[in-house]
């Protein structure tokens, strides 16, 4: 189990390292039951960013981009 302090430190590092900004969209590609979901969900929750569940084809190719984002006004979840 990951402690709260470790999770907060990780999220602070992630937000700083990836320069997460207010207009960014953070995408979840890992199932909620898989450890990487922590990396994909908590930074969005801590920075009040929009979060979208990304389809499988979005992450199929390293470095690929997906253009099927929902319109800015219709996020699946926002904090």
Protein backbone atom coordinates (compact mmCIF):
# COMPACT_ATOMS: atom_id res chain seq x y z
CA UNK A 1 0.00 0.00 0.00
CA UNK A 2 1.25 3.47 -0.87
CA UNK A 3 1.30 6.01 1.95
CA UNK A 4 -0.29 9.46 1.57
CA UNK A 5 3.03 11.30 1.81
CA UNK A 6 4.62 9.13 -0.89
CA UNK A 7 1.61 9.66 -3.16
CA UNK A 8 1.65 13.43 -2.65
CA UNK A 9 5.41 13.56 -3.32
CA UNK A 10 4.97 11.51 -6.48
CA UNK A 11 2.13 13.73 -7.72
CA UNK A 12 4.11 16.91 -6.98
CA UNK A 13 7.04 15.49 -8.95
CA UNK A 14 4.76 14.41 -11.84
CA UNK A 15 3.04 17.81 -12.06
CA UNK A 16 6.38 19.63 -12.00
CA UNK A 17 8.18 17.21 -14.36
CA UNK A 18 5.45 17.23 -16.99
CA UNK A 19 4.59 20.90 -16.53
CA UNK A 20 0.87 20.23 -16.08
CA UNK A 21 -1.03 23.43 -16.92
CA UNK A 22 -4.69 24.49 -16.46
CA UNK A 23 -5.60 23.86 -20.11
CA UNK A 24 -4.07 20.36 -20.17
CA UNK A 25 -6.17 17.25 -20.51
CA UNK A 26 -4.97 14.24 -18.58
CA UNK A 27 -5.89 10.90 -20.06
CA UNK A 28 -6.47 7.61 -18.28
CA UNK A 29 -5.39 4.57 -20.25
CA UNK A 30 -4.87 2.14 -17.35
CA UNK A 31 -7.77 0.34 -15.68
CA UNK A 32 -8.63 1.62 -12.19
CA UNK A 33 -7.46 -1.70 -10.76
CA UNK A 34 -3.94 -1.33 -12.23
CA UNK A 35 -1.20 0.61 -10.39
CA UNK A 36 -0.48 3.14 -13.19
CA UNK A 37 -4.00 4.51 -12.72
CA UNK A 38 -2.62 6.34 -9.66
CA UNK A 39 -0.23 8.26 -11.93
CA UNK A 40 -3.05 9.09 -14.32
CA UNK A 41 -5.78 10.11 -11.84
CA UNK A 42 -4.25 11.81 -8.80
CA UNK A 43 -2.33 14.57 -10.63
CA UNK A 44 -5.63 15.56 -12.31
CA UNK A 45 -7.45 15.57 -9.00
CA UNK A 46 -4.74 17.59 -7.26
CA UNK A 47 -4.49 20.24 -9.96
CA UNK A 48 -8.20 20.57 -10.82
CA UNK A 49 -7.62 19.54 -14.43
CA UNK A 50 -10.06 17.84 -16.75
CA UNK A 51 -9.77 14.08 -16.99
CA UNK A 52 -10.86 11.85 -19.85
CA UNK A 53 -11.03 8.12 -20.19
CA UNK A 54 -8.96 7.41 -23.25
CA UNK A 55 -9.90 4.67 -25.73
CA UNK A 56 -7.47 1.80 -26.23
CA UNK A 57 -6.42 3.03 -29.68
CA UNK A 58 -5.15 6.26 -28.11
CA UNK A 59 -2.23 4.51 -26.44
CA UNK A 60 -1.62 1.82 -29.04
CA UNK A 61 1.48 3.44 -30.54
CA UNK A 62 4.27 5.18 -28.65
CA UNK A 63 4.36 8.83 -29.57
CA UNK A 64 1.08 8.73 -31.46
CA UNK A 65 -1.50 11.43 -30.96
CA UNK A 66 -5.22 11.02 -30.78
CA UNK A 67 -7.48 13.78 -32.06
CA UNK A 68 -10.83 12.46 -30.87
CA UNK A 69 -10.94 14.47 -27.63
CA UNK A 70 -14.40 15.55 -26.52
CA UNK A 71 -15.11 19.28 -26.84
CA UNK A 72 -13.62 21.38 -24.02
CA UNK A 73 -17.05 21.91 -22.49
CA UNK A 74 -17.86 18.21 -22.10
CA UNK A 75 -15.31 16.46 -19.91
CA UNK A 76 -16.11 13.07 -18.50
CA UNK A 77 -14.83 14.26 -15.13
CA UNK A 78 -13.46 17.49 -13.75
CA UNK A 79 -12.34 18.29 -10.26
